[in-house]
N, C-alpha and C. Protein backbone atom coordinates (compact mmCIF):
# COMPACT_ATOMS: atom_id res chain seq x y z
N UNK A 1 -8.46 -5.33 15.02
CA UNK A 1 -7.24 -6.01 14.72
C UNK A 1 -6.38 -6.00 15.97
N UNK A 2 -6.16 -7.15 16.54
CA UNK A 2 -5.31 -7.13 17.75
C UNK A 2 -3.83 -6.99 17.44
N UNK A 3 -3.12 -6.55 18.40
CA UNK A 3 -1.68 -6.36 18.21
C UNK A 3 -0.99 -7.65 17.77
N UNK A 4 -1.41 -8.76 18.36
CA UNK A 4 -0.78 -10.04 18.06
C UNK A 4 -1.08 -10.49 16.63
N UNK A 5 -2.13 -10.02 16.01
CA UNK A 5 -2.45 -10.48 14.68
C UNK A 5 -1.91 -9.39 13.63
N UNK A 6 -1.26 -8.39 14.06
CA UNK A 6 -0.80 -7.34 13.10
C UNK A 6 0.43 -7.96 12.38
N UNK A 7 0.34 -8.09 11.08
CA UNK A 7 1.38 -8.78 10.30
C UNK A 7 2.64 -7.93 9.94
N UNK A 8 2.49 -6.65 9.95
CA UNK A 8 3.57 -5.74 9.54
C UNK A 8 4.60 -5.51 10.60
N UNK A 9 5.86 -5.35 10.16
CA UNK A 9 6.92 -4.95 11.16
C UNK A 9 6.75 -3.56 11.51
N UNK A 10 6.16 -2.71 10.65
CA UNK A 10 5.87 -1.36 11.04
C UNK A 10 4.67 -1.26 11.96
N UNK A 11 4.61 -0.29 12.81
CA UNK A 11 3.46 -0.13 13.72
C UNK A 11 2.25 0.34 12.95
N UNK A 12 1.07 0.07 13.51
CA UNK A 12 -0.18 0.44 12.93
C UNK A 12 -0.28 1.93 12.55
N UNK A 13 0.36 2.77 13.36
CA UNK A 13 0.24 4.20 13.16
C UNK A 13 1.33 4.80 12.29
N UNK A 14 2.14 3.94 11.57
CA UNK A 14 3.19 4.52 10.73
C UNK A 14 2.48 5.23 9.54
N UNK A 15 3.02 6.38 9.18
CA UNK A 15 2.42 7.15 8.06
C UNK A 15 2.80 6.47 6.76
N UNK A 16 1.80 6.41 5.87
CA UNK A 16 1.95 5.82 4.51
C UNK A 16 1.32 6.78 3.51
N UNK A 17 1.75 6.59 2.28
CA UNK A 17 1.22 7.46 1.18
C UNK A 17 0.10 6.74 0.40
N UNK A 18 -0.93 7.48 0.02
CA UNK A 18 -1.95 6.94 -0.82
C UNK A 18 -2.62 8.12 -1.54
N UNK A 19 -3.78 7.92 -2.11
CA UNK A 19 -4.50 8.97 -2.84
C UNK A 19 -5.96 8.96 -2.34
N UNK A 20 -6.62 10.09 -2.62
CA UNK A 20 -8.03 10.30 -2.17
C UNK A 20 -8.93 9.25 -2.79
N UNK A 21 -8.73 8.92 -4.05
CA UNK A 21 -9.63 7.91 -4.68
C UNK A 21 -9.68 6.59 -4.00
N UNK A 22 -8.54 6.22 -3.37
CA UNK A 22 -8.45 4.98 -2.59
C UNK A 22 -9.10 5.22 -1.23
N UNK A 23 -8.83 6.27 -0.55
CA UNK A 23 -9.41 6.55 0.76
C UNK A 23 -10.95 6.62 0.67
N UNK A 24 -11.50 7.22 -0.36
CA UNK A 24 -12.94 7.31 -0.46
C UNK A 24 -13.59 6.22 -1.22
N UNK A 25 -12.84 5.11 -1.51
CA UNK A 25 -13.42 3.94 -2.14
C UNK A 25 -13.74 4.02 -3.58
N UNK A 26 -13.23 4.99 -4.28
CA UNK A 26 -13.53 5.20 -5.70
C UNK A 26 -12.71 4.24 -6.59
N UNK A 27 -11.52 3.88 -6.07
CA UNK A 27 -10.64 3.06 -6.88
C UNK A 27 -9.91 2.13 -5.89
N UNK A 28 -9.75 0.82 -6.32
CA UNK A 28 -9.05 -0.10 -5.40
C UNK A 28 -7.53 0.11 -5.46
N UNK A 29 -6.90 -0.47 -4.47
CA UNK A 29 -5.42 -0.49 -4.43
C UNK A 29 -4.97 -1.51 -5.44
N UNK A 30 -4.24 -1.09 -6.48
CA UNK A 30 -3.74 -2.09 -7.42
C UNK A 30 -2.21 -2.12 -7.50
N UNK A 31 -1.56 -1.21 -6.77
CA UNK A 31 -0.10 -1.17 -6.76
C UNK A 31 0.37 -0.78 -5.34
N UNK A 32 1.34 -1.49 -4.84
CA UNK A 32 1.96 -1.17 -3.59
C UNK A 32 3.43 -1.07 -3.74
N UNK A 33 4.07 -0.09 -3.22
CA UNK A 33 5.45 0.08 -3.29
C UNK A 33 6.04 0.22 -1.84
N UNK A 34 7.14 -0.49 -1.60
CA UNK A 34 7.86 -0.43 -0.29
C UNK A 34 9.23 0.07 -0.58
N UNK A 35 9.43 1.41 -0.48
CA UNK A 35 10.53 2.04 -1.02
C UNK A 35 11.82 1.65 -0.33
N UNK A 36 12.89 1.48 -1.09
CA UNK A 36 14.25 1.16 -0.56
C UNK A 36 14.83 2.27 0.23
N UNK A 37 14.77 3.50 -0.28
CA UNK A 37 15.44 4.66 0.30
C UNK A 37 15.03 4.94 1.71
N UNK A 38 13.77 4.97 1.95
CA UNK A 38 13.29 5.33 3.31
C UNK A 38 12.26 4.34 3.90
N UNK A 39 12.08 3.27 3.29
CA UNK A 39 11.17 2.17 3.67
C UNK A 39 9.69 2.62 3.83
N UNK A 40 9.36 3.72 3.07
CA UNK A 40 7.99 4.18 3.08
C UNK A 40 7.14 3.27 2.25
N UNK A 41 5.87 3.21 2.58
CA UNK A 41 4.86 2.43 1.81
C UNK A 41 4.02 3.40 1.01
N UNK A 42 3.71 3.03 -0.19
CA UNK A 42 2.82 3.73 -1.07
C UNK A 42 1.68 2.73 -1.55
N UNK A 43 0.49 3.20 -1.43
CA UNK A 43 -0.71 2.42 -1.88
C UNK A 43 -1.34 3.19 -2.99
N UNK A 44 -1.28 2.60 -4.22
CA UNK A 44 -1.66 3.39 -5.43
C UNK A 44 -2.70 2.68 -6.21
N UNK A 45 -3.22 3.42 -7.20
CA UNK A 45 -4.29 2.96 -8.07
C UNK A 45 -3.81 2.12 -9.21
N UNK A 46 -2.57 2.11 -9.53
CA UNK A 46 -2.01 1.40 -10.67
C UNK A 46 -1.96 2.26 -11.93
N UNK A 47 -2.57 3.46 -11.86
CA UNK A 47 -2.51 4.37 -12.93
C UNK A 47 -1.29 5.19 -12.81
N UNK A 48 -1.11 6.19 -13.63
CA UNK A 48 0.06 7.01 -13.54
C UNK A 48 0.17 7.63 -12.20
N UNK A 49 1.40 8.01 -11.76
CA UNK A 49 1.60 8.64 -10.50
C UNK A 49 0.72 9.85 -10.30
N UNK A 50 0.10 10.07 -9.13
CA UNK A 50 -0.77 11.18 -8.91
C UNK A 50 0.03 12.51 -8.87
N UNK A 51 -0.70 13.58 -9.06
CA UNK A 51 -0.14 14.90 -8.88
C UNK A 51 0.09 15.13 -7.39
N UNK A 52 0.98 16.04 -7.07
CA UNK A 52 1.23 16.37 -5.67
C UNK A 52 0.00 16.60 -4.79
N UNK A 53 -0.96 17.39 -5.41
CA UNK A 53 -2.15 17.70 -4.72
C UNK A 53 -3.04 16.54 -4.36
N UNK A 54 -2.90 15.41 -5.04
CA UNK A 54 -3.72 14.25 -4.79
C UNK A 54 -3.20 13.25 -3.77
N UNK A 55 -1.89 13.42 -3.35
CA UNK A 55 -1.29 12.55 -2.35
C UNK A 55 -1.94 12.76 -1.02
N UNK A 56 -2.14 11.72 -0.28
CA UNK A 56 -2.63 11.78 1.12
C UNK A 56 -1.72 10.95 2.01
N UNK A 57 -1.60 11.42 3.24
CA UNK A 57 -0.79 10.73 4.26
C UNK A 57 -1.82 10.16 5.30
N UNK A 58 -1.76 8.84 5.47
CA UNK A 58 -2.69 8.18 6.46
C UNK A 58 -1.86 7.14 7.21
N UNK A 59 -2.47 6.52 8.23
CA UNK A 59 -1.74 5.47 8.91
C UNK A 59 -1.93 4.11 8.23
N UNK A 60 -0.99 3.25 8.39
CA UNK A 60 -1.02 1.97 7.79
C UNK A 60 -2.24 1.15 8.16
N UNK A 61 -2.67 1.24 9.35
CA UNK A 61 -3.87 0.54 9.86
C UNK A 61 -5.15 0.95 9.04
N UNK A 62 -5.20 2.25 8.71
CA UNK A 62 -6.38 2.71 7.98
C UNK A 62 -6.46 2.05 6.59
N UNK A 63 -5.23 1.96 5.97
CA UNK A 63 -5.23 1.31 4.65
C UNK A 63 -5.57 -0.17 4.78
N UNK A 64 -5.03 -0.84 5.77
CA UNK A 64 -5.39 -2.27 6.03
C UNK A 64 -6.87 -2.53 6.30
N UNK A 65 -7.56 -1.57 6.92
CA UNK A 65 -8.97 -1.67 7.09
C UNK A 65 -9.71 -1.47 5.76
N UNK A 66 -9.23 -0.54 4.95
CA UNK A 66 -9.88 -0.32 3.62
C UNK A 66 -9.73 -1.51 2.71
N UNK A 67 -8.59 -2.12 2.79
CA UNK A 67 -8.35 -3.31 1.91
C UNK A 67 -7.53 -4.36 2.68
N UNK A 68 -8.19 -5.27 3.34
CA UNK A 68 -7.44 -6.30 4.12
C UNK A 68 -6.46 -7.15 3.33
N UNK A 69 -6.54 -7.22 2.01
CA UNK A 69 -5.64 -8.02 1.24
C UNK A 69 -4.21 -7.47 1.33
N UNK A 70 -4.03 -6.24 1.64
CA UNK A 70 -2.68 -5.71 1.74
C UNK A 70 -1.87 -6.41 2.86
N UNK A 71 -2.62 -7.03 3.80
CA UNK A 71 -1.89 -7.81 4.87
C UNK A 71 -1.07 -8.89 4.29
N UNK A 72 -1.43 -9.39 3.09
CA UNK A 72 -0.64 -10.43 2.40
C UNK A 72 0.71 -9.88 1.94
N UNK A 73 0.89 -8.62 1.92
CA UNK A 73 2.14 -7.96 1.53
C UNK A 73 2.97 -7.49 2.65
N UNK A 74 2.64 -7.84 3.90
CA UNK A 74 3.35 -7.39 5.04
C UNK A 74 4.87 -7.68 5.00
N UNK A 75 5.25 -8.76 4.34
CA UNK A 75 6.65 -9.12 4.26
C UNK A 75 7.31 -8.64 2.97
N UNK A 76 6.65 -7.73 2.25
CA UNK A 76 7.25 -7.20 1.00
C UNK A 76 8.47 -6.45 1.38
N UNK A 77 9.66 -6.89 0.84
CA UNK A 77 10.92 -6.23 1.23
C UNK A 77 10.95 -4.82 0.70
N UNK A 78 11.81 -4.00 1.41
CA UNK A 78 12.10 -2.68 0.92
C UNK A 78 12.73 -2.75 -0.47
N UNK A 79 12.32 -1.87 -1.33
CA UNK A 79 12.85 -1.88 -2.74
C UNK A 79 12.02 -2.82 -3.65
N UNK A 80 10.86 -3.35 -3.17
CA UNK A 80 10.02 -4.19 -4.00
C UNK A 80 8.63 -3.51 -4.12
N UNK A 81 7.90 -3.98 -5.07
CA UNK A 81 6.55 -3.55 -5.35
C UNK A 81 5.65 -4.73 -5.61
N UNK A 82 4.36 -4.52 -5.51
CA UNK A 82 3.39 -5.51 -5.84
C UNK A 82 2.28 -4.89 -6.70
N UNK A 83 1.77 -5.64 -7.66
CA UNK A 83 0.73 -5.19 -8.49
C UNK A 83 -0.30 -6.29 -8.70
N UNK A 84 -1.52 -5.85 -9.07
CA UNK A 84 -2.55 -6.78 -9.43
C UNK A 84 -3.45 -6.13 -10.48
N UNK A 85 -4.18 -6.91 -11.18
CA UNK A 85 -5.01 -6.30 -12.26
C UNK A 85 -6.38 -5.84 -11.76
N UNK A 86 -6.87 -6.41 -10.71
CA UNK A 86 -8.17 -6.03 -10.17
C UNK A 86 -8.24 -6.35 -8.69
N UNK A 87 -9.25 -5.90 -8.04
CA UNK A 87 -9.44 -6.09 -6.59
C UNK A 87 -9.35 -7.62 -6.22
N UNK A 88 -9.85 -8.47 -7.09
CA UNK A 88 -9.93 -9.88 -6.75
C UNK A 88 -8.69 -10.69 -7.36
N UNK A 89 -7.82 -10.05 -8.02
CA UNK A 89 -6.66 -10.76 -8.62
C UNK A 89 -5.56 -10.93 -7.54
N UNK A 90 -4.71 -11.90 -7.78
CA UNK A 90 -3.57 -12.17 -6.88
C UNK A 90 -2.49 -11.15 -7.06
N UNK A 91 -1.80 -10.76 -5.95
CA UNK A 91 -0.70 -9.87 -6.01
C UNK A 91 0.53 -10.52 -6.64
N UNK A 92 1.19 -9.76 -7.56
CA UNK A 92 2.44 -10.21 -8.13
C UNK A 92 3.52 -9.23 -7.69
N UNK A 93 4.63 -9.82 -7.12
CA UNK A 93 5.66 -8.97 -6.60
C UNK A 93 6.88 -9.02 -7.45
N UNK A 94 7.69 -7.90 -7.38
CA UNK A 94 8.92 -7.78 -8.18
C UNK A 94 9.71 -6.66 -7.58
N UNK A 95 11.08 -6.68 -7.83
CA UNK A 95 11.89 -5.52 -7.42
C UNK A 95 11.42 -4.23 -8.11
N UNK A 96 11.51 -3.12 -7.42
CA UNK A 96 11.08 -1.89 -8.05
C UNK A 96 12.11 -1.51 -9.13
N UNK A 97 11.57 -1.00 -10.18
CA UNK A 97 12.41 -0.66 -11.38
C UNK A 97 12.88 0.82 -11.30
N UNK A 98 12.33 1.59 -10.54
CA UNK A 98 12.67 3.05 -10.50
C UNK A 98 13.64 3.36 -9.44
């Protein structure tokens, strides 16, 4: 991925939150949150929030390599989230409710 094709305003090495099931390919990313408070990104399974021990910190580029469709969410505003029903479904965005 060249620097010129990187769609995110954040650098490739910005730390983001995810879970082991996504990192190891056991579960697809079905929910993405771009937090209002600190502009942090979360890449989740769409199930209930994981326990503390299951959270992982990785760089944004690593997540983009695991699932290139998250590049479609590069302009997701802070305070918004995106969800989809399956790996092949379209992302639906909305303001975060929490």
